[in-house]
């Protein structure tokens, strides 16, 4: 009788496993594109021109605002004393 219980439990366990194996999760849906290849390439070129495409793991992409200052103006502001107090540990 003990062997009969083992056989029944193995059969039930296999049936339960087979029932779970048949369903796909997430449900498979066929991908249908709404854009042409030319549209996708045009969007990619635009994103590259705007600096939204990176190499490697440089996320998040922070777009910097353009400046009207020249290099000389930026350097001159670095040499001017500021009102910010910087803690200097002893």
Protein backbone atom coordinates (compact mmCIF):
# COMPACT_ATOMS: atom_id res chain seq x y z
CA UNK A 1 0.00 0.00 0.00
CA UNK A 2 2.88 2.35 0.68
CA UNK A 3 4.22 1.89 -2.85
CA UNK A 4 0.76 2.59 -4.26
CA UNK A 5 0.61 5.94 -2.42
CA UNK A 6 4.07 6.90 -3.71
CA UNK A 7 3.09 6.09 -7.30
CA UNK A 8 -0.16 8.08 -7.03
CA UNK A 9 1.63 11.09 -5.51
CA UNK A 10 4.32 11.02 -8.25
CA UNK A 11 1.64 10.89 -10.97
CA UNK A 12 -0.30 13.78 -9.42
CA UNK A 13 2.87 15.82 -9.00
CA UNK A 14 3.84 15.25 -12.66
CA UNK A 15 0.35 16.19 -13.84
CA UNK A 16 0.42 19.42 -11.84
CA UNK A 17 3.85 20.31 -13.23
CA UNK A 18 2.72 19.64 -16.79
CA UNK A 19 -0.32 21.89 -16.33
CA UNK A 20 1.88 24.81 -15.28
CA UNK A 21 4.39 24.22 -18.07
CA UNK A 22 1.83 24.69 -20.83
CA UNK A 23 0.97 28.33 -20.17
CA UNK A 24 3.42 30.99 -21.26
CA UNK A 25 3.99 33.96 -18.99
CA UNK A 26 3.84 36.68 -20.03
CA UNK A 27 1.44 35.78 -22.81
CA UNK A 28 3.19 35.78 -26.16
CA UNK A 29 2.01 38.53 -28.46
CA UNK A 30 3.17 39.03 -32.00
CA UNK A 31 5.05 42.33 -32.47
CA UNK A 32 3.77 44.46 -35.31
CA UNK A 33 5.73 47.61 -36.09
CA UNK A 34 3.87 50.79 -36.98
CA UNK A 35 6.95 52.56 -38.37
CA UNK A 36 8.99 51.99 -41.48
CA UNK A 37 12.70 51.27 -41.41
CA UNK A 38 13.39 54.75 -42.82
CA UNK A 39 11.41 56.38 -39.99
CA UNK A 40 13.32 54.45 -37.34
CA UNK A 41 16.68 55.38 -38.90
CA UNK A 42 15.62 59.06 -39.08
CA UNK A 43 14.66 59.01 -35.37
CA UNK A 44 17.99 57.40 -34.48
CA UNK A 45 19.91 60.07 -36.39
CA UNK A 46 17.93 62.80 -34.67
CA UNK A 47 18.57 61.29 -31.22
CA UNK A 48 22.30 61.06 -31.95
CA UNK A 49 22.34 64.70 -33.09
CA UNK A 50 20.61 65.76 -29.87
CA UNK A 51 23.08 63.77 -27.73
CA UNK A 52 20.51 61.31 -26.41
CA UNK A 53 22.43 58.18 -27.42
CA UNK A 54 25.29 57.09 -25.16
CA UNK A 55 27.93 54.42 -25.16
CA UNK A 56 28.15 52.13 -22.18
CA UNK A 57 26.29 52.66 -18.91
CA UNK A 58 26.12 56.45 -18.90
CA UNK A 59 22.58 56.73 -17.58
CA UNK A 60 20.64 58.88 -16.93
CA UNK A 61 21.34 61.10 -19.90
CA UNK A 62 21.53 64.69 -18.71
CA UNK A 63 21.33 67.16 -21.52
CA UNK A 64 23.47 70.25 -20.83
CA UNK A 65 22.25 73.68 -21.77
CA UNK A 66 24.39 75.49 -24.33
CA UNK A 67 26.32 78.52 -23.06
CA UNK A 68 27.17 81.79 -24.72
CA UNK A 69 30.34 82.29 -22.68
CA UNK A 70 33.73 81.94 -24.30
CA UNK A 71 36.53 79.87 -22.84
CA UNK A 72 38.33 83.01 -21.67
CA UNK A 73 35.23 84.26 -19.83
CA UNK A 74 34.83 80.96 -18.00
CA UNK A 75 38.50 80.94 -16.97
CA UNK A 76 38.31 84.54 -15.73
CA UNK A 77 35.31 83.69 -13.51
CA UNK A 78 37.28 80.80 -12.00
CA UNK A 79 40.06 83.18 -10.92
CA UNK A 80 37.68 85.65 -9.21
CA UNK A 81 37.07 85.19 -5.48
CA UNK A 82 33.60 83.95 -4.59
CA UNK A 83 31.32 84.49 -1.62
CA UNK A 84 31.12 80.77 -0.89
CA UNK A 85 32.80 79.71 2.35
CA UNK A 86 34.68 76.47 1.93
CA UNK A 87 35.35 74.42 5.04
CA UNK A 88 39.03 73.65 5.40
CA UNK A 89 39.64 70.97 7.95
CA UNK A 90 42.70 71.24 10.16
